[in-house]
């Protein structure tokens, strides 16, 4: 727009649709309240720069067609440009720090493809600042690209979960451009701090709330979680974080996942990859996953009749049989010393 703090077109179609929902209205209010005076907000990339950004984000080829078609709409709308610029600013204000900007809300279905793809333009816009941050930290380009590819991968996740094209989990993906999470082989490692609830579970080990930690994530569409693949990821992380983030002196790693639910041991072989992954951690408390968590991550849709889900793998059969038995999945939260000690899977 014209550099004003306020968005003049408060009655514009996009803002009006967002304000119909509490999260969208709160987000727009927060964007309007941002102090952007000291920021140099990158423009929406165009032409070859836009194509290069799509490649860096590993956007699937068929989705690139849609994004190219939507590009003029973003570029030519004062309302959308204001939201894009302020969305970028909200991340710029929290680059390279363990802090959370107001999370990107899901746009209402009435906005169609524009709403499902809008944040791709935000992530493409901030990419030059992200790459500059990576360069300052000395992050190798291969790790930069592997990390940012999670944005394109979450377009595949969107198809799996919703049956339509779009971008899943845009709020989660705010971590990547800010240098808060890195793909190191099979696993992702997020820079974090121990919370009050987690830290009380192992205070006897000398840790407390606010201590730096790594939160471990297992992305979809990345192949087997074999012991060898996970060992390689932990070995990479043990070298990566002391080199590139020496000031954080991480001594623990945590994982909050339905894959740590001890109930899986009732269904899976003790030699399975999932149980081997569980053995890396000390379970410190039951997780808070609802039953749709495993359904979402294993199958995608969460509202099918149980008999309609595929039963081709042991994990698929476990998830469905447990629910058919009238039981619930809770997940688990576990921790380990970092770097992992010898015998990590014992």
Protein backbone atom coordinates (compact mmCIF):
# COMPACT_ATOMS: atom_id res chain seq x y z
CA UNK A 1 0.00 0.00 0.00
CA UNK A 2 1.29 3.53 0.69
CA UNK A 3 3.33 2.81 3.82
CA UNK A 4 0.60 3.73 6.29
CA UNK A 5 0.27 1.65 9.44
CA UNK A 6 -3.45 1.16 8.95
CA UNK A 7 -5.08 -0.76 6.16
CA UNK A 8 -7.49 1.76 4.67
CA UNK A 9 -9.64 -0.87 2.95
CA UNK A 10 -10.97 -2.43 6.14
CA UNK A 11 -14.15 -3.37 4.28
CA UNK A 12 -12.26 -5.16 1.51
CA UNK A 13 -13.44 -8.61 0.53
CA UNK A 14 -10.42 -10.44 1.92
CA UNK A 15 -10.31 -8.70 5.29
CA UNK A 16 -14.07 -8.98 5.64
CA UNK A 17 -13.87 -12.74 5.11
CA UNK A 18 -10.98 -13.10 7.56
CA UNK A 19 -12.78 -11.05 10.20
CA UNK A 20 -15.72 -13.44 10.16
CA UNK A 21 -13.54 -15.75 12.27
CA UNK A 22 -12.03 -14.88 15.65
CA UNK A 23 -8.51 -16.05 14.74
CA UNK A 24 -8.52 -14.10 11.48
CA UNK A 25 -9.78 -10.92 13.12
CA UNK A 26 -7.19 -11.14 15.91
CA UNK A 27 -4.45 -11.72 13.36
CA UNK A 28 -5.41 -8.69 11.25
CA UNK A 29 -5.51 -6.53 14.37
CA UNK A 30 -2.04 -7.76 15.34
CA UNK A 31 -0.69 -7.08 11.85
CA UNK A 32 -2.07 -3.56 12.00
CA UNK A 33 -0.41 -2.98 15.38
CA UNK A 34 3.07 -4.01 14.20
CA UNK A 35 5.81 -1.41 14.38
CA UNK A 36 7.42 -1.81 10.96
CA UNK A 37 9.21 1.54 10.82
CA UNK A 38 12.70 0.03 11.06
CA UNK A 39 12.01 -2.88 8.70
CA UNK A 40 12.90 -3.19 5.05
CA UNK A 41 10.16 -5.53 3.87
CA UNK A 42 11.09 -7.50 0.74
CA UNK A 43 8.76 -7.06 -2.23
CA UNK A 44 6.77 -9.86 -3.81
CA UNK A 45 9.26 -11.60 -6.11
CA UNK A 46 8.42 -11.59 -9.79
CA UNK A 47 9.62 -13.23 -12.98
CA UNK A 48 12.78 -15.30 -12.61
CA UNK A 49 13.07 -14.41 -8.92
CA UNK A 50 9.62 -15.87 -8.30
CA UNK A 51 10.50 -19.03 -10.20
CA UNK A 52 13.73 -19.37 -8.23
CA UNK A 53 11.78 -19.00 -4.97
CA UNK A 54 9.35 -21.73 -6.01
CA UNK A 55 12.30 -24.01 -6.71
CA UNK A 56 13.86 -23.24 -3.31
CA UNK A 57 10.55 -24.05 -1.64
CA UNK A 58 10.28 -27.31 -3.63
CA UNK A 59 6.79 -26.42 -4.83
CA UNK A 60 5.30 -29.31 -6.84
CA UNK A 61 5.16 -28.56 -10.56
CA UNK A 62 1.37 -28.65 -10.82
CA UNK A 63 1.01 -26.21 -7.92
CA UNK A 64 3.43 -23.81 -9.61
CA UNK A 65 0.87 -23.38 -12.40
CA UNK A 66 -1.71 -22.22 -9.86
CA UNK A 67 0.73 -19.92 -8.09
CA UNK A 68 1.74 -18.26 -11.36
CA UNK A 69 -1.95 -17.65 -12.11
CA UNK A 70 -2.55 -16.15 -8.65
CA UNK A 71 0.56 -13.95 -8.71
CA UNK A 72 -1.06 -10.99 -10.55
CA UNK A 73 -3.96 -11.04 -8.07
CA UNK A 74 -1.56 -10.61 -5.15
CA UNK A 75 0.55 -8.03 -6.97
CA UNK A 76 -2.39 -5.86 -8.11
CA UNK A 77 -4.47 -5.87 -4.92
CA UNK A 78 -3.64 -3.17 -2.38
CA UNK A 79 -5.47 -5.19 0.26
CA UNK A 80 -3.56 -8.42 -0.42
CA UNK A 81 -0.25 -6.57 -0.72
CA UNK A 82 -0.82 -5.02 2.71
CA UNK A 83 -1.51 -8.43 4.23
CA UNK A 84 1.50 -9.97 2.45
CA UNK A 85 3.88 -7.25 3.58
CA UNK A 86 2.63 -7.31 7.17
CA UNK A 87 2.79 -11.12 7.25
CA UNK A 88 6.44 -10.94 6.19
CA UNK A 89 7.08 -8.23 8.79
CA UNK A 90 5.60 -10.38 11.56
CA UNK A 91 8.33 -12.97 10.89
CA UNK A 92 11.12 -10.45 10.32
CA UNK A 93 10.55 -9.14 13.83
CA UNK A 94 11.34 -12.62 15.22
CA UNK A 95 14.17 -13.87 13.02
CA UNK A 96 16.73 -16.19 14.61
CA UNK A 97 15.10 -16.12 18.03
CA UNK A 98 13.10 -18.63 20.06
CA UNK A 99 9.95 -16.56 20.09
CA UNK A 100 6.61 -16.99 18.40
CA UNK A 101 4.98 -14.41 16.17
CA UNK A 102 1.19 -14.50 16.09
CA UNK A 103 0.51 -17.68 14.17
CA UNK A 104 -0.83 -17.55 10.64
CA UNK A 105 -4.53 -18.49 10.71
CA UNK A 106 -6.22 -20.79 8.22
CA UNK A 107 -8.10 -18.70 5.68
CA UNK A 108 -11.84 -19.35 5.24
CA UNK A 109 -12.94 -21.78 2.55
CA UNK A 110 -14.86 -18.98 0.82
CA UNK A 111 -11.52 -17.56 -0.40
CA UNK A 112 -10.78 -20.74 -2.34
CA UNK A 113 -7.37 -21.24 -3.95
CA UNK A 114 -6.25 -17.76 -2.94
CA UNK A 115 -6.69 -18.63 0.73
CA UNK A 116 -5.16 -22.08 0.42
CA UNK A 117 -2.02 -20.76 -1.36
CA UNK A 118 -1.59 -17.21 0.02
CA UNK A 119 1.16 -18.04 2.49
CA UNK A 120 3.34 -19.48 -0.26
CA UNK A 121 3.71 -15.91 -1.52
CA UNK A 122 4.68 -14.82 1.99
CA UNK A 123 7.36 -17.51 2.26
CA UNK A 124 8.62 -16.70 -1.23
CA UNK A 125 8.86 -13.02 -0.26
CA UNK A 126 10.89 -13.58 2.90
CA UNK A 127 13.28 -16.05 1.25
CA UNK A 128 16.09 -13.48 0.61
CA UNK A 129 16.10 -12.57 4.31
CA UNK A 130 16.05 -16.25 5.25
CA UNK A 131 19.00 -17.03 3.01
CA UNK A 132 20.89 -14.07 4.46
CA UNK A 133 20.27 -15.42 7.96
CA UNK A 134 21.44 -18.87 6.91
CA UNK A 135 24.59 -17.34 5.42
CA UNK A 136 25.36 -15.46 8.65
CA UNK A 137 25.03 -18.70 10.57
CA UNK A 138 27.17 -20.57 8.04
CA UNK A 139 24.44 -23.09 7.19
CA UNK A 140 25.46 -25.24 4.19
CA UNK A 141 23.27 -24.71 1.13
CA UNK A 142 22.25 -28.37 1.01
CA UNK A 143 20.75 -28.06 4.50
CA UNK A 144 19.14 -24.74 3.61
CA UNK A 145 17.39 -26.29 0.63
CA UNK A 146 16.40 -29.46 2.49
CA UNK A 147 14.88 -27.32 5.26
CA UNK A 148 12.92 -24.97 3.02
CA UNK A 149 11.67 -27.91 0.92
CA UNK A 150 9.30 -28.66 3.79
CA UNK A 151 7.04 -25.94 2.39
CA UNK A 152 6.55 -27.80 -0.87
CA UNK A 153 6.23 -31.07 1.01
CA UNK A 154 3.37 -29.61 3.04
CA UNK A 155 1.51 -29.01 -0.19
CA UNK A 156 1.57 -32.79 -0.63
CA UNK A 157 0.40 -33.11 2.98
CA UNK A 158 -2.53 -30.81 2.17
CA UNK A 159 -3.60 -33.10 -0.67
CA UNK A 160 -3.29 -36.15 1.57
CA UNK A 161 -5.39 -34.63 4.34
CA UNK A 162 -7.95 -32.60 2.41
CA UNK A 163 -8.03 -33.98 -1.13
CA UNK A 164 -7.40 -30.49 -2.57
CA UNK A 165 -4.37 -28.46 -3.58
CA UNK A 166 -3.08 -25.92 -1.10
CA UNK A 167 -0.56 -25.47 1.70
CA UNK A 168 -0.99 -27.34 4.99
CA UNK A 169 0.18 -26.07 8.38
CA UNK A 170 1.27 -22.56 7.38
CA UNK A 171 1.55 -21.62 11.06
CA UNK A 172 4.01 -24.48 11.63
CA UNK A 173 6.00 -23.43 8.56
CA UNK A 174 6.71 -20.03 10.11
CA UNK A 175 9.60 -21.76 11.88
CA UNK A 176 11.57 -22.51 8.74
CA UNK A 177 12.13 -19.01 7.29
CA UNK A 178 13.11 -17.72 10.74
CA UNK A 179 15.97 -20.21 11.18
CA UNK A 180 14.20 -22.10 13.95
CA UNK A 181 14.13 -25.61 12.47
CA UNK A 182 16.42 -27.65 10.23
CA UNK A 183 16.05 -30.81 8.20
CA UNK A 184 19.02 -33.04 8.98
CA UNK A 185 18.52 -36.28 7.11
CA UNK A 186 15.29 -38.07 8.03
CA UNK A 187 14.42 -35.90 11.04
CA UNK A 188 13.81 -32.23 11.77
CA UNK A 189 15.33 -30.46 14.78
CA UNK A 190 13.66 -27.33 16.15
CA UNK A 191 15.44 -24.82 18.38
CA UNK A 192 13.31 -24.47 21.51
CA UNK A 193 13.30 -23.91 25.26
CA UNK A 194 12.06 -26.25 27.96
CA UNK A 195 8.62 -25.29 29.18
CA UNK A 196 7.42 -25.31 32.76
CA UNK A 197 5.50 -28.57 32.42
CA UNK A 198 8.23 -30.47 30.62
CA UNK A 199 11.12 -29.23 32.73
CA UNK A 200 9.55 -30.32 36.02
CA UNK A 201 9.64 -33.91 34.76
CA UNK A 202 13.43 -34.03 34.82
CA UNK A 203 14.56 -31.37 37.23
CA UNK A 204 16.51 -34.07 39.07
CA UNK A 205 18.79 -34.21 36.02
CA UNK A 206 19.64 -30.53 36.55
CA UNK A 207 17.42 -28.92 33.88
CA UNK A 208 14.87 -26.18 34.32
CA UNK A 209 12.34 -24.11 32.39
CA UNK A 210 13.92 -21.84 29.82
CA UNK A 211 16.93 -24.06 29.16
CA UNK A 212 17.66 -24.48 25.45
CA UNK A 213 16.57 -27.78 23.93
CA UNK A 214 15.86 -29.35 20.57
CA UNK A 215 12.38 -30.51 19.61
CA UNK A 216 12.44 -33.48 17.24
CA UNK A 217 9.91 -33.85 14.43
CA UNK A 218 9.24 -36.63 11.93
CA UNK A 219 8.05 -35.13 8.62
CA UNK A 220 5.79 -36.98 6.20
CA UNK A 221 6.85 -38.08 2.71
CA UNK A 222 10.44 -38.68 3.80
CA UNK A 223 10.64 -42.46 3.63
CA UNK A 224 11.56 -45.03 6.24
CA UNK A 225 12.28 -44.18 9.86
CA UNK A 226 14.92 -46.90 9.96
CA UNK A 227 17.34 -47.07 12.85
CA UNK A 228 20.19 -46.26 10.47
CA UNK A 229 18.40 -43.20 9.04
CA UNK A 230 17.59 -41.86 12.51
CA UNK A 231 21.11 -42.58 13.78
CA UNK A 232 22.42 -40.53 10.86
CA UNK A 233 20.08 -37.63 11.68
CA UNK A 234 21.15 -37.54 15.32
CA UNK A 235 24.81 -37.69 14.31
CA UNK A 236 24.28 -34.75 11.94
CA UNK A 237 22.48 -32.77 14.65
CA UNK A 238 25.22 -33.47 17.20
CA UNK A 239 27.71 -31.80 14.87
CA UNK A 240 25.41 -29.14 13.39
CA UNK A 241 24.09 -27.27 16.44
CA UNK A 242 27.37 -26.78 18.35
CA UNK A 243 28.92 -25.44 15.14
CA UNK A 244 26.16 -23.09 14.01
CA UNK A 245 24.42 -22.22 17.34
CA UNK A 246 27.21 -22.55 19.93
CA UNK A 247 25.64 -19.99 22.25
CA UNK A 248 22.65 -22.24 22.94
CA UNK A 249 24.62 -25.10 24.56
CA UNK A 250 21.87 -27.66 24.10
CA UNK A 251 21.99 -30.64 26.49
CA UNK A 252 18.57 -32.23 25.88
CA UNK A 253 16.24 -33.15 23.04
CA UNK A 254 12.51 -33.71 23.36
CA UNK A 255 9.83 -35.23 21.17
CA UNK A 256 6.05 -34.81 21.38
CA UNK A 257 4.46 -37.31 19.02
CA UNK A 258 1.77 -39.91 18.72
CA UNK A 259 4.62 -42.26 17.73
CA UNK A 260 5.72 -42.22 21.38
CA UNK A 261 2.41 -43.58 22.64
CA UNK A 262 3.38 -46.68 24.68
CA UNK A 263 0.18 -48.37 23.53
CA UNK A 264 1.81 -48.94 20.13
CA UNK A 265 3.90 -51.65 21.81
CA UNK A 266 0.72 -53.73 22.11
CA UNK A 267 0.46 -53.90 18.30
CA UNK A 268 3.92 -53.54 16.78
CA UNK A 269 6.93 -55.82 16.75
CA UNK A 270 9.63 -54.87 19.29
CA UNK A 271 11.97 -54.79 16.29
CA UNK A 272 9.86 -52.27 14.34
CA UNK A 273 11.25 -48.86 13.44
CA UNK A 274 8.60 -47.14 15.55
CA UNK A 275 9.42 -49.07 18.73
CA UNK A 276 13.14 -48.58 18.10
CA UNK A 277 12.46 -44.83 17.87
CA UNK A 278 10.53 -44.93 21.16
CA UNK A 279 13.46 -46.59 22.92
CA UNK A 280 15.62 -43.54 22.24
CA UNK A 281 13.55 -41.53 24.74
CA UNK A 282 12.58 -41.53 28.36
CA UNK A 283 8.82 -41.01 28.39
CA UNK A 284 8.07 -38.25 30.85
CA UNK A 285 4.33 -37.85 30.45
CA UNK A 286 1.35 -38.87 28.40
CA UNK A 287 0.69 -36.71 25.38
CA UNK A 288 -2.45 -34.79 24.55
CA UNK A 289 -3.25 -36.07 21.08
CA UNK A 290 -6.88 -36.70 20.22
CA UNK A 291 -7.74 -39.78 18.18
CA UNK A 292 -7.67 -37.81 14.96
CA UNK A 293 -3.91 -37.26 15.39
CA UNK A 294 -2.82 -40.74 14.28
CA UNK A 295 -5.55 -40.82 11.63
CA UNK A 296 -4.36 -37.52 10.20
CA UNK A 297 -0.69 -38.43 10.11
CA UNK A 298 -1.10 -42.03 8.93
CA UNK A 299 -4.01 -41.69 6.52
CA UNK A 300 -4.85 -38.02 5.97
CA UNK A 301 -8.65 -37.91 6.33
CA UNK A 302 -9.98 -38.20 9.88
CA UNK A 303 -13.71 -38.68 9.29
CA UNK A 304 -13.92 -41.93 7.32
CA UNK A 305 -15.63 -45.02 8.73
CA UNK A 306 -12.90 -47.12 10.34
CA UNK A 307 -13.52 -49.99 7.89
CA UNK A 308 -12.66 -47.69 4.97
CA UNK A 309 -9.05 -46.99 5.98
CA UNK A 310 -6.30 -48.98 4.21
CA UNK A 311 -4.80 -51.82 6.22
CA UNK A 312 -1.59 -52.38 4.28
CA UNK A 313 1.00 -51.77 6.98
CA UNK A 314 1.38 -52.71 10.63
CA UNK A 315 1.05 -49.08 11.73
CA UNK A 316 -2.17 -48.66 9.73
CA UNK A 317 -3.62 -51.81 11.26
CA UNK A 318 -2.55 -50.71 14.75
CA UNK A 319 -4.18 -47.27 14.51
CA UNK A 320 -7.50 -48.65 13.29
CA UNK A 321 -7.68 -51.74 15.51
CA UNK A 322 -7.03 -49.67 18.63
CA UNK A 323 -9.96 -47.40 17.79
CA UNK A 324 -12.17 -50.35 16.91
CA UNK A 325 -11.39 -51.74 20.35
CA UNK A 326 -12.98 -48.62 21.81
CA UNK A 327 -9.66 -47.24 23.04
CA UNK A 328 -8.04 -43.82 22.56
CA UNK A 329 -4.61 -42.70 21.37
CA UNK A 330 -2.81 -40.21 23.59
CA UNK A 331 0.66 -39.89 22.16
CA UNK A 332 3.62 -39.24 24.39
CA UNK A 333 6.31 -36.72 25.28
CA UNK A 334 9.84 -38.02 25.75
CA UNK A 335 13.33 -36.67 26.25
CA UNK A 336 16.94 -37.75 25.79
CA UNK A 337 20.35 -36.30 26.62
CA UNK A 338 21.86 -34.41 23.70
CA UNK A 339 24.05 -35.39 22.03
CA UNK A 340 22.55 -38.90 22.41
CA UNK A 341 24.67 -41.30 24.41
CA UNK A 342 26.00 -44.56 23.04
CA UNK A 343 23.34 -47.22 22.58
CA UNK A 344 20.64 -44.71 21.65
CA UNK A 345 18.10 -47.38 20.70
CA UNK A 346 18.51 -49.63 23.73
